[in-house]
Amino acid sequence: MDKINTENPRMTEKEKTKTSLELRAGLFRNTDKNGNVYYTGKSEAGDEYVMFRNSYWKEGAAKPYFRLMKRVADGPSKMED
């Protein structure tokens, strides 16, 4: 997989331990029938991903702006806040 070097010379040694990025998937912008924007894509291994805005996000809340989900076989949804 492609890695992007994000090393900054002003970082401490602890900060430098996780600076490389690995490409997981390319995402494409989509719009659902209600006008909501979401992103979908596939990895080189064939895994499918969906990313959407967290509709439960509130100003000041410690919740993510976006949610990235990996598409799996049918079964109960595992969404938590």
N, C-alpha and C. Protein backbone atom coordinates (compact mmCIF):
# COMPACT_ATOMS: atom_id res chain seq x y z
N MET A 1 0.82 -1.17 0.00
CA MET A 1 0.00 0.00 0.00
C MET A 1 0.88 1.25 0.00
N ASP A 2 0.35 2.32 -0.57
CA ASP A 2 1.07 3.58 -0.61
C ASP A 2 1.15 4.18 0.78
N LYS A 3 2.30 4.77 1.11
CA LYS A 3 2.47 5.45 2.39
C LYS A 3 2.81 6.90 2.11
N ILE A 4 2.26 7.78 2.91
CA ILE A 4 2.53 9.20 2.80
C ILE A 4 3.35 9.59 4.01
N ASN A 5 4.51 10.20 3.80
CA ASN A 5 5.35 10.60 4.90
C ASN A 5 4.89 11.97 5.38
N THR A 6 4.45 12.04 6.63
CA THR A 6 3.97 13.30 7.20
C THR A 6 4.90 13.79 8.30
N GLU A 7 6.16 13.39 8.26
CA GLU A 7 7.10 13.72 9.33
C GLU A 7 7.36 15.22 9.39
N ASN A 8 7.35 15.74 10.59
CA ASN A 8 7.59 17.15 10.86
C ASN A 8 8.84 17.22 11.73
N PRO A 9 9.86 18.00 11.36
CA PRO A 9 11.10 18.04 12.15
C PRO A 9 10.91 18.56 13.57
N ARG A 10 9.82 19.24 13.86
CA ARG A 10 9.58 19.77 15.20
C ARG A 10 8.85 18.78 16.10
N MET A 11 8.49 17.60 15.60
CA MET A 11 7.78 16.60 16.40
C MET A 11 8.72 15.91 17.38
N THR A 12 8.18 15.52 18.52
CA THR A 12 8.95 14.74 19.48
C THR A 12 9.06 13.30 18.96
N GLU A 13 9.93 12.52 19.57
CA GLU A 13 10.09 11.12 19.15
C GLU A 13 8.78 10.35 19.31
N LYS A 14 8.03 10.62 20.38
CA LYS A 14 6.75 9.94 20.60
C LYS A 14 5.78 10.28 19.48
N GLU A 15 5.74 11.55 19.05
CA GLU A 15 4.84 11.98 17.99
C GLU A 15 5.23 11.38 16.64
N LYS A 16 6.52 11.11 16.44
CA LYS A 16 7.00 10.58 15.17
C LYS A 16 6.68 9.09 14.99
N THR A 17 6.26 8.38 16.02
CA THR A 17 6.06 6.95 15.91
C THR A 17 4.90 6.58 15.00
N LYS A 18 3.90 7.46 14.82
CA LYS A 18 2.75 7.14 13.98
C LYS A 18 2.49 8.25 12.97
N THR A 19 3.48 8.52 12.13
CA THR A 19 3.31 9.61 11.17
C THR A 19 3.07 9.14 9.75
N SER A 20 3.27 7.88 9.45
CA SER A 20 3.04 7.38 8.10
C SER A 20 1.57 7.03 7.91
N LEU A 21 1.07 7.28 6.73
CA LEU A 21 -0.32 6.97 6.41
C LEU A 21 -0.37 5.88 5.35
N GLU A 22 -1.30 4.95 5.49
CA GLU A 22 -1.49 3.90 4.50
C GLU A 22 -2.82 4.13 3.79
N LEU A 23 -2.80 4.03 2.48
CA LEU A 23 -4.01 4.19 1.70
C LEU A 23 -4.93 3.01 1.95
N ARG A 24 -6.16 3.27 2.38
CA ARG A 24 -7.15 2.22 2.62
C ARG A 24 -8.12 2.11 1.46
N ALA A 25 -8.61 3.25 0.97
CA ALA A 25 -9.59 3.23 -0.12
C ALA A 25 -9.71 4.64 -0.69
N GLY A 26 -10.11 4.72 -1.94
CA GLY A 26 -10.48 6.00 -2.54
C GLY A 26 -11.98 6.15 -2.39
N LEU A 27 -12.43 7.33 -2.01
CA LEU A 27 -13.86 7.55 -1.78
C LEU A 27 -14.45 8.48 -2.84
N PHE A 28 -15.68 8.18 -3.23
CA PHE A 28 -16.40 8.98 -4.22
C PHE A 28 -17.60 9.64 -3.55
N ARG A 29 -17.87 10.87 -3.91
CA ARG A 29 -18.97 11.63 -3.33
C ARG A 29 -20.29 11.18 -3.95
N ASN A 30 -21.31 10.96 -3.11
CA ASN A 30 -22.64 10.56 -3.54
C ASN A 30 -23.67 11.41 -2.80
N THR A 31 -24.89 11.44 -3.32
CA THR A 31 -26.00 12.12 -2.66
C THR A 31 -27.19 11.18 -2.64
N ASP A 32 -27.82 11.03 -1.47
CA ASP A 32 -28.99 10.16 -1.40
C ASP A 32 -30.24 10.91 -1.84
N LYS A 33 -31.39 10.25 -1.86
CA LYS A 33 -32.62 10.85 -2.37
C LYS A 33 -33.12 12.01 -1.51
N ASN A 34 -32.61 12.11 -0.27
CA ASN A 34 -32.98 13.22 0.60
C ASN A 34 -32.00 14.39 0.52
N GLY A 35 -30.99 14.27 -0.34
CA GLY A 35 -30.01 15.33 -0.51
C GLY A 35 -28.82 15.25 0.43
N ASN A 36 -28.72 14.19 1.23
CA ASN A 36 -27.59 14.01 2.15
C ASN A 36 -26.37 13.51 1.38
N VAL A 37 -25.22 14.09 1.68
CA VAL A 37 -23.97 13.70 1.01
C VAL A 37 -23.30 12.58 1.81
N TYR A 38 -22.80 11.57 1.11
CA TYR A 38 -22.03 10.49 1.72
C TYR A 38 -20.97 10.06 0.72
N TYR A 39 -20.00 9.28 1.17
CA TYR A 39 -18.89 8.86 0.34
C TYR A 39 -18.78 7.34 0.36
N THR A 40 -18.49 6.74 -0.78
CA THR A 40 -18.31 5.29 -0.86
C THR A 40 -17.05 4.98 -1.63
N GLY A 41 -16.47 3.81 -1.36
CA GLY A 41 -15.28 3.39 -2.09
C GLY A 41 -14.89 1.97 -1.74
N LYS A 42 -13.93 1.45 -2.50
CA LYS A 42 -13.42 0.10 -2.31
C LYS A 42 -11.91 0.15 -2.13
N SER A 43 -11.42 -0.77 -1.30
CA SER A 43 -9.97 -0.92 -1.15
C SER A 43 -9.47 -1.82 -2.27
N GLU A 44 -8.15 -1.90 -2.41
CA GLU A 44 -7.58 -2.80 -3.41
C GLU A 44 -7.90 -4.26 -3.08
N ALA A 45 -8.15 -4.55 -1.81
CA ALA A 45 -8.48 -5.91 -1.38
C ALA A 45 -9.96 -6.23 -1.62
N GLY A 46 -10.75 -5.23 -2.03
CA GLY A 46 -12.16 -5.46 -2.32
C GLY A 46 -13.11 -5.09 -1.19
N ASP A 47 -12.58 -4.63 -0.05
CA ASP A 47 -13.44 -4.19 1.05
C ASP A 47 -14.15 -2.91 0.64
N GLU A 48 -15.43 -2.80 0.99
CA GLU A 48 -16.23 -1.62 0.66
C GLU A 48 -16.39 -0.75 1.90
N TYR A 49 -16.25 0.57 1.71
CA TYR A 49 -16.36 1.52 2.80
C TYR A 49 -17.42 2.56 2.48
N VAL A 50 -18.09 3.05 3.53
CA VAL A 50 -19.05 4.14 3.42
C VAL A 50 -18.72 5.14 4.52
N MET A 51 -18.64 6.42 4.16
CA MET A 51 -18.37 7.47 5.14
C MET A 51 -19.49 8.50 5.05
N PHE A 52 -20.03 8.86 6.20
CA PHE A 52 -21.10 9.85 6.21
C PHE A 52 -20.95 10.76 7.41
N ARG A 53 -21.60 11.92 7.33
CA ARG A 53 -21.59 12.89 8.40
C ARG A 53 -22.35 12.34 9.60
N ASN A 54 -21.82 12.55 10.78
CA ASN A 54 -22.46 12.09 12.00
C ASN A 54 -23.62 13.04 12.32
N SER A 55 -24.85 12.60 12.11
CA SER A 55 -26.01 13.47 12.33
C SER A 55 -26.27 13.73 13.81
N TYR A 56 -25.63 12.98 14.70
CA TYR A 56 -25.81 13.17 16.13
C TYR A 56 -24.77 14.12 16.72
N TRP A 57 -23.89 14.67 15.88
CA TRP A 57 -22.84 15.56 16.36
C TRP A 57 -23.45 16.88 16.83
N LYS A 58 -22.97 17.39 17.95
CA LYS A 58 -23.41 18.68 18.48
C LYS A 58 -22.18 19.49 18.85
N GLU A 59 -22.27 20.81 18.72
CA GLU A 59 -21.16 21.70 19.06
C GLU A 59 -20.71 21.43 20.49
N GLY A 60 -19.43 21.24 20.67
CA GLY A 60 -18.87 20.98 21.99
C GLY A 60 -18.91 19.53 22.43
N ALA A 61 -19.62 18.70 21.71
CA ALA A 61 -19.71 17.29 22.07
C ALA A 61 -18.44 16.56 21.65
N ALA A 62 -18.06 15.55 22.40
CA ALA A 62 -16.87 14.76 22.07
C ALA A 62 -17.28 13.61 21.15
N LYS A 63 -17.85 13.95 20.01
CA LYS A 63 -18.30 12.95 19.05
C LYS A 63 -17.68 13.29 17.69
N PRO A 64 -17.43 12.29 16.86
CA PRO A 64 -16.78 12.55 15.57
C PRO A 64 -17.70 13.29 14.59
N TYR A 65 -17.09 14.07 13.71
CA TYR A 65 -17.83 14.75 12.66
C TYR A 65 -18.33 13.77 11.61
N PHE A 66 -17.52 12.74 11.33
CA PHE A 66 -17.84 11.76 10.30
C PHE A 66 -17.76 10.36 10.88
N ARG A 67 -18.43 9.42 10.19
CA ARG A 67 -18.37 8.00 10.55
C ARG A 67 -17.91 7.23 9.32
N LEU A 68 -16.93 6.37 9.50
CA LEU A 68 -16.42 5.52 8.43
C LEU A 68 -16.81 4.09 8.76
N MET A 69 -17.58 3.49 7.88
CA MET A 69 -18.08 2.14 8.10
C MET A 69 -17.53 1.20 7.03
N LYS A 70 -17.25 -0.04 7.41
CA LYS A 70 -16.84 -1.07 6.47
C LYS A 70 -18.05 -1.94 6.20
N ARG A 71 -18.38 -2.11 4.92
CA ARG A 71 -19.56 -2.91 4.56
C ARG A 71 -19.24 -4.39 4.83
N VAL A 72 -20.16 -5.07 5.55
CA VAL A 72 -20.00 -6.48 5.90
C VAL A 72 -21.22 -7.26 5.45
N ALA A 73 -21.17 -8.57 5.58
CA ALA A 73 -22.31 -9.42 5.22
C ALA A 73 -23.52 -9.03 6.04
N ASP A 74 -24.70 -9.35 5.55
CA ASP A 74 -25.94 -9.01 6.25
C ASP A 74 -25.93 -9.50 7.68
N GLY A 75 -26.45 -8.69 8.56
CA GLY A 75 -26.53 -9.01 9.97
C GLY A 75 -26.92 -7.74 10.70
N PRO A 76 -26.98 -7.80 12.02
CA PRO A 76 -27.35 -6.61 12.77
C PRO A 76 -26.33 -5.49 12.61
N SER A 77 -26.82 -4.28 12.50
CA SER A 77 -25.95 -3.10 12.37
C SER A 77 -25.25 -2.84 13.70
N LYS A 78 -23.98 -2.44 13.64
CA LYS A 78 -23.20 -2.17 14.84
C LYS A 78 -22.82 -0.70 14.88
N MET A 79 -23.79 0.17 15.05
CA MET A 79 -23.52 1.61 15.13
C MET A 79 -23.65 2.06 16.57
N GLU A 80 -22.60 2.72 17.07
CA GLU A 80 -22.62 3.26 18.42
C GLU A 80 -22.16 4.69 18.37
N ASP A 81 -22.60 5.48 19.32
CA ASP A 81 -22.14 6.86 19.44
C ASP A 81 -20.97 6.94 20.35
